Amino acid sequence: MIIDLKDLKTGEKQYYLQHVIAPRPICFASTIDKAGHVNLSPFSFFNLFSSNPPIVIFSPSRRVRDNTTKHSLQNVLEVPEVVINIVTYDMVQQTSLASCEFPKEVNEFSKAGFTEQPATLVKPPMVKESRVKLECHVIEIKPLGTGGGAGNLVICEVLRMHIDDTLLDENKKIDQRNLHHVARLGGDWYCKIDETNLFQVQKPNTELGIGVDALPLSIRNSKLLSGNNLGQLANVTEVPLIDPSFYNNRLKEIIQYYSVNPEEMEKELHSYAKKLLEDGKIREAWQVLLAGE
């Protein structure tokens, strides 16, 4: 299917975009107007855009239904401050409840059952139940259009972070496995981040990986190794040399039983290497593959 967005109604554009551009982090924004009315509302058009200065942006869009604006947007136009409360799995149902379109004078903290906690630098309160809070100053609001569905980029500088001690390890670093983020998908769908779906990818830094195009042809054209597997192998800075000390029992068995049939031996070596790569053992996988070269 090919879709030209210019041919779609606004609601249809929103449907497809929100399903495929996901998961999206959730900005649970507490704001306040000049009269002191507090608003608490979640927005999934949100992310980090700069570390120096520390800038996050969220976008309260104009309603598709009637082109009205949200209280959060009205508030930051009056009082350019916001607390962004990070949403975790244990508060997602209450967060969703806070998205109801209550009248302006209604406090979503009360409706959703959250506790107001005074911020230290800005006027809006923090959500006590959130394990990470960002006190922010709004430095710019950029409208992206005037029709229903148009976003309004609320560009915020993070002034202070509040991090629950239970999220930290002995070095005062955040242990990603403890945070249990929640992210937004399309429609009613969300996803939960925990140890069952976390994985690590070795990140290239200043040293360049050799690239898939530099892999030996037999590896690059493997019928068993996936694109992800090739990406792992190609992230080394140079093709490794054969290490004579690496010769485990499984590799020995493959060479012993399949050496008379090179095609079958390559298949077994690639299958074994694939298992090693799935276990994150890149050095070992290279040694297995080099044995077949």
Protein backbone atom coordinates (compact mmCIF):
# COMPACT_ATOMS: atom_id res chain seq x y z
CA MET A 1 0.00 0.00 0.00
CA ILE A 2 1.21 3.48 -0.91
CA ILE A 3 -0.40 6.47 0.80
CA ASP A 4 -0.22 10.11 -0.26
CA LEU A 5 -0.96 12.05 2.90
CA LYS A 6 -2.35 14.99 0.94
CA ASP A 7 -5.26 12.72 -0.06
CA LEU A 8 -6.17 11.79 3.53
CA LYS A 9 -8.43 13.46 6.03
CA THR A 10 -6.69 14.75 9.16
CA GLY A 11 -7.94 11.88 11.33
CA GLU A 12 -6.65 9.34 8.81
CA LYS A 13 -3.22 11.01 8.70
CA GLN A 14 -3.13 10.89 12.48
CA TYR A 15 -4.12 7.22 12.52
CA TYR A 16 -1.34 6.03 10.22
CA LEU A 17 1.38 8.32 11.61
CA GLN A 18 0.70 7.41 15.25
CA HIS A 19 0.77 3.70 14.49
CA VAL A 20 4.05 3.66 12.56
CA ILE A 21 6.00 6.38 14.40
CA ALA A 22 6.23 4.57 17.69
CA PRO A 23 6.95 3.91 20.45
CA ARG A 24 6.77 7.54 21.57
CA PRO A 25 7.81 8.71 25.05
CA ILE A 26 5.11 10.44 27.08
CA CYS A 27 5.36 13.97 28.39
CA PHE A 28 3.12 14.15 31.46
CA ALA A 29 2.97 17.92 31.75
CA SER A 30 1.83 19.89 34.76
CA THR A 31 1.14 23.56 33.99
CA ILE A 32 -0.56 26.51 35.65
CA ASP A 33 -2.35 29.64 34.44
CA LYS A 34 -2.14 33.18 35.84
CA ALA A 35 -5.20 32.58 38.02
CA GLY A 36 -3.54 29.56 39.64
CA HIS A 37 -5.55 26.82 37.89
CA VAL A 38 -3.38 23.69 37.58
CA ASN A 39 -3.57 21.36 34.59
CA LEU A 40 -2.07 17.89 34.22
CA SER A 41 -2.10 16.21 30.82
CA PRO A 42 -0.10 13.61 28.83
CA PHE A 43 1.36 14.22 25.36
CA SER A 44 3.08 11.61 23.22
CA PHE A 45 4.50 14.11 20.74
CA PHE A 46 7.57 14.55 22.94
CA ASN A 47 11.31 13.98 22.97
CA LEU A 48 14.82 15.16 23.89
CA PHE A 49 16.46 17.44 21.33
CA SER A 50 19.58 18.88 22.94
CA SER A 51 21.89 18.24 25.88
CA ASN A 52 23.67 21.60 25.93
CA PRO A 53 21.46 23.50 26.40
CA PRO A 54 19.20 20.73 27.79
CA ILE A 55 16.12 21.04 25.57
CA VAL A 56 12.98 18.90 25.41
CA ILE A 57 9.99 19.58 23.19
CA PHE A 58 6.37 18.49 23.45
CA SER A 59 3.49 19.38 21.19
CA PRO A 60 -0.10 19.94 22.36
CA SER A 61 -1.86 19.75 19.00
CA ARG A 62 -5.04 21.58 18.10
CA ARG A 63 -7.97 19.19 18.39
CA VAL A 64 -8.88 17.51 15.12
CA ARG A 65 -12.55 17.47 16.09
CA ASP A 66 -13.18 21.20 16.48
CA ASN A 67 -9.79 22.95 16.16
CA THR A 68 -9.76 24.07 19.80
CA THR A 69 -6.56 24.32 21.82
CA LYS A 70 -5.72 22.42 24.99
CA HIS A 71 -5.48 23.90 28.46
CA SER A 72 -1.80 22.97 28.68
CA LEU A 73 -1.03 25.17 25.68
CA GLN A 74 -3.13 28.02 27.03
CA ASN A 75 -1.33 27.76 30.37
CA VAL A 76 2.24 27.84 29.06
CA LEU A 77 1.31 30.87 26.95
CA GLU A 78 0.32 32.61 30.20
CA VAL A 79 2.95 31.13 32.53
CA PRO A 80 5.94 29.79 30.53
CA GLU A 81 6.87 27.02 32.94
CA VAL A 82 6.15 23.30 33.04
CA VAL A 83 7.03 20.19 35.00
CA ILE A 84 7.46 17.08 32.86
CA ASN A 85 6.72 14.01 34.95
CA ILE A 86 8.08 10.78 33.48
CA VAL A 87 5.40 8.09 33.12
CA THR A 88 6.10 4.56 34.35
CA TYR A 89 3.98 1.42 34.15
CA ASP A 90 2.62 1.70 37.68
CA MET A 91 0.90 5.02 36.86
CA VAL A 92 -0.18 4.56 33.23
CA GLN A 93 -3.91 4.07 33.91
CA GLN A 94 -4.07 7.23 36.02
CA THR A 95 -2.09 9.09 33.37
CA SER A 96 -4.60 8.06 30.72
CA LEU A 97 -7.45 9.24 32.96
CA ALA A 98 -5.82 12.66 33.21
CA SER A 99 -6.16 13.05 29.43
CA CYS A 100 -9.94 13.44 29.76
CA GLU A 101 -11.16 16.86 28.62
CA PHE A 102 -12.22 18.16 32.02
CA PRO A 103 -13.30 21.81 32.31
CA LYS A 104 -10.48 24.29 32.82
CA GLU A 105 -11.19 24.87 36.50
CA VAL A 106 -11.00 21.12 37.26
CA ASN A 107 -7.67 19.88 38.64
CA GLU A 108 -6.58 16.63 36.96
CA PHE A 109 -4.36 15.81 39.93
CA SER A 110 -7.53 15.18 41.92
CA LYS A 111 -9.44 13.49 39.11
CA ALA A 112 -6.61 11.08 38.34
CA GLY A 113 -5.66 10.49 41.98
CA PHE A 114 -2.18 12.00 41.88
CA THR A 115 -0.51 14.00 44.64
CA GLU A 116 0.70 17.56 44.07
CA GLN A 117 4.30 18.11 45.17
CA PRO A 118 5.70 21.67 45.16
CA ALA A 119 8.39 22.27 42.57
CA THR A 120 11.56 24.06 43.63
CA LEU A 121 12.14 26.44 40.70
CA VAL A 122 8.86 26.74 38.80
CA LYS A 123 5.22 27.42 39.68
CA PRO A 124 3.47 24.25 38.41
CA PRO A 125 3.46 21.35 40.91
CA MET A 126 5.21 18.03 40.34
CA VAL A 127 3.51 14.63 40.38
CA LYS A 128 4.76 13.03 43.58
CA GLU A 129 4.13 9.51 42.26
CA SER A 130 6.41 10.03 39.25
CA ARG A 131 9.92 8.73 39.85
CA VAL A 132 11.57 11.34 37.61
CA LYS A 133 10.50 14.97 37.33
CA LEU A 134 11.91 17.70 35.08
CA GLU A 135 11.39 21.33 36.08
CA CYS A 136 11.44 23.37 32.88
CA HIS A 137 11.32 26.92 31.60
CA VAL A 138 9.45 27.38 28.30
CA ILE A 139 11.72 29.35 25.98
CA GLU A 140 9.59 29.30 22.83
CA ILE A 141 6.23 28.12 21.52
CA LYS A 142 6.16 27.52 17.78
CA PRO A 143 2.77 26.95 16.09
CA LEU A 144 2.94 24.57 13.13
CA GLY A 145 -0.42 25.53 11.64
CA THR A 146 -3.88 26.89 12.36
CA GLY A 147 -6.06 23.94 11.41
CA GLY A 148 -7.25 20.98 13.46
CA GLY A 149 -4.40 18.57 14.15
CA ALA A 150 -1.71 21.25 13.88
CA GLY A 151 1.01 20.94 16.49
CA ASN A 152 2.43 23.63 18.75
CA LEU A 153 6.05 22.98 19.66
CA VAL A 154 6.61 23.87 23.31
CA ILE A 155 10.39 24.20 23.51
CA CYS A 156 11.55 23.76 27.10
CA GLU A 157 14.88 24.13 28.86
CA VAL A 158 15.31 21.60 31.65
CA LEU A 159 16.44 23.45 34.79
CA ARG A 160 16.39 20.71 37.41
CA MET A 161 15.77 16.96 37.56
CA HIS A 162 14.36 15.01 40.50
CA ILE A 163 15.31 11.31 40.35
CA ASP A 164 14.06 8.71 42.81
CA ASP A 165 16.99 7.09 44.61
CA THR A 166 15.59 3.62 43.92
CA LEU A 167 16.46 4.09 40.24
CA LEU A 168 20.16 4.60 40.94
CA ASP A 169 23.00 2.13 41.23
CA GLU A 170 25.97 2.39 43.59
CA ASN A 171 27.59 4.92 41.23
CA LYS A 172 24.53 7.20 41.20
CA LYS A 173 23.78 6.17 37.61
CA ILE A 174 20.29 5.24 36.43
CA ASP A 175 19.75 1.51 36.07
CA GLN A 176 17.57 1.28 32.96
CA ARG A 177 16.12 -2.01 34.17
CA ASN A 178 14.45 -0.31 37.14
CA LEU A 179 12.64 2.53 35.40
CA HIS A 180 9.86 0.63 33.57
CA HIS A 181 9.07 3.38 31.07
CA VAL A 182 5.76 3.38 29.25
CA ALA A 183 5.57 4.49 25.61
CA ARG A 184 2.68 5.35 23.34
CA LEU A 185 1.75 3.45 20.19
CA GLY A 186 -1.29 3.87 17.92
CA GLY A 187 -4.91 3.89 19.06
CA ASP A 188 -5.29 2.39 22.54
CA TRP A 189 -1.92 0.63 22.40
CA TYR A 190 1.02 1.24 24.74
CA CYS A 191 4.21 -0.66 25.48
CA LYS A 192 6.06 -1.31 28.72
CA ILE A 193 9.84 -1.30 28.95
CA ASP A 194 11.25 -3.85 31.38
CA GLU A 195 13.91 -6.55 31.60
CA THR A 196 11.91 -8.92 29.39
CA ASN A 197 12.23 -6.67 26.35
CA LEU A 198 15.43 -4.71 26.99
CA PHE A 199 18.53 -5.45 24.97
CA GLN A 200 21.83 -3.73 24.34
CA VAL A 201 23.40 -2.74 21.03
CA GLN A 202 27.09 -1.92 20.96
CA LYS A 203 27.24 1.71 19.87
CA PRO A 204 29.93 2.88 17.42
CA ASN A 205 31.79 5.83 18.88
CA THR A 206 34.92 7.48 17.50
CA GLU A 207 36.24 4.30 15.86
CA LEU A 208 34.63 3.32 12.59
CA GLY A 209 33.17 -0.12 11.97
CA ILE A 210 34.40 -1.86 8.82
CA GLY A 211 30.88 -1.93 7.35
CA VAL A 212 28.89 -4.76 5.80
CA ASP A 213 30.53 -4.13 2.42
CA ALA A 214 33.90 -5.10 3.92
CA LEU A 215 32.76 -8.48 5.22
CA PRO A 216 34.09 -11.58 3.46
CA LEU A 217 31.77 -12.49 0.60
CA SER A 218 30.76 -15.83 2.09
CA ILE A 219 29.62 -14.08 5.28
CA ARG A 220 27.92 -11.18 3.50
CA ASN A 221 25.95 -13.55 1.28
CA SER A 222 25.08 -16.00 4.06
CA LYS A 223 21.65 -17.60 3.82
CA LEU A 224 21.47 -17.94 7.61
CA LEU A 225 22.89 -14.71 9.02
CA SER A 226 20.36 -11.89 9.25
CA GLY A 227 20.90 -8.19 8.58
CA ASN A 228 21.19 -7.66 12.32
CA ASN A 229 23.85 -10.37 12.50
CA LEU A 230 25.83 -8.75 9.69
CA GLY A 231 25.55 -5.40 11.46
CA GLN A 232 27.08 -6.92 14.58
CA LEU A 233 29.95 -8.45 12.66
CA ALA A 234 30.58 -5.27 10.65
CA ASN A 235 30.86 -3.09 13.76
CA VAL A 236 34.44 -4.22 14.42
CA THR A 237 37.24 -1.84 13.48
CA GLU A 238 39.05 -4.48 11.41
CA VAL A 239 38.50 -8.07 10.31
CA PRO A 240 39.84 -10.18 13.21
CA LEU A 241 42.70 -12.58 12.78
CA ILE A 242 42.29 -16.28 13.44
CA ASP A 243 43.00 -17.02 17.08
CA PRO A 244 44.57 -20.52 17.32
CA SER A 245 43.62 -20.70 21.00
CA PHE A 246 39.93 -20.53 20.14
CA TYR A 247 38.89 -24.07 19.33
CA ASN A 248 35.95 -25.22 21.44
CA ASN A 249 34.18 -28.57 21.31
CA ARG A 250 31.32 -27.43 19.10
CA LEU A 251 33.65 -25.94 16.50
CA LYS A 252 35.78 -29.07 16.61
CA GLU A 253 32.72 -31.26 16.00
CA ILE A 254 31.59 -29.19 13.01
CA ILE A 255 34.98 -29.34 11.34
CA GLN A 256 35.36 -33.04 12.11
CA TYR A 257 31.97 -34.18 10.81
CA TYR A 258 31.40 -31.79 7.90
CA SER A 259 34.87 -31.18 6.45
CA VAL A 260 34.12 -33.59 3.57
CA ASN A 261 31.12 -31.45 2.58
CA PRO A 262 32.15 -27.76 2.46
CA GLU A 263 28.61 -26.55 1.78
CA GLU A 264 27.21 -28.34 4.82
CA MET A 265 30.14 -27.22 6.96
CA GLU A 266 29.54 -23.58 6.04
CA LYS A 267 25.87 -24.00 6.93
CA GLU A 268 26.73 -25.45 10.35
CA LEU A 269 29.37 -22.81 11.04
CA HIS A 270 26.98 -20.00 10.15
CA SER A 271 24.25 -21.54 12.28
CA TYR A 272 26.61 -21.76 15.25
CA ALA A 273 27.88 -18.21 14.67
CA LYS A 274 24.32 -16.95 14.54
CA LYS A 275 23.62 -18.45 17.96
CA LEU A 276 26.76 -16.82 19.37
CA LEU A 277 25.75 -13.45 17.90
CA GLU A 278 22.30 -13.73 19.45
CA ASP A 279 24.07 -14.23 22.78
CA GLY A 280 26.19 -11.14 22.14
CA LYS A 281 29.41 -13.14 21.66
CA ILE A 282 30.76 -11.28 18.64
CA ARG A 283 34.43 -12.21 19.05
CA GLU A 284 33.56 -15.90 19.29
CA ALA A 285 31.23 -15.70 16.28
CA TRP A 286 34.01 -14.19 14.20
CA GLN A 287 36.34 -17.05 15.14
CA VAL A 288 33.75 -19.62 14.11
CA LEU A 289 33.17 -17.89 10.78
CA LEU A 290 36.89 -17.50 10.09
CA ALA A 291 37.30 -21.24 10.55
CA GLY A 292 35.30 -21.72 7.37
CA GLU A 293 37.25 -19.23 5.28
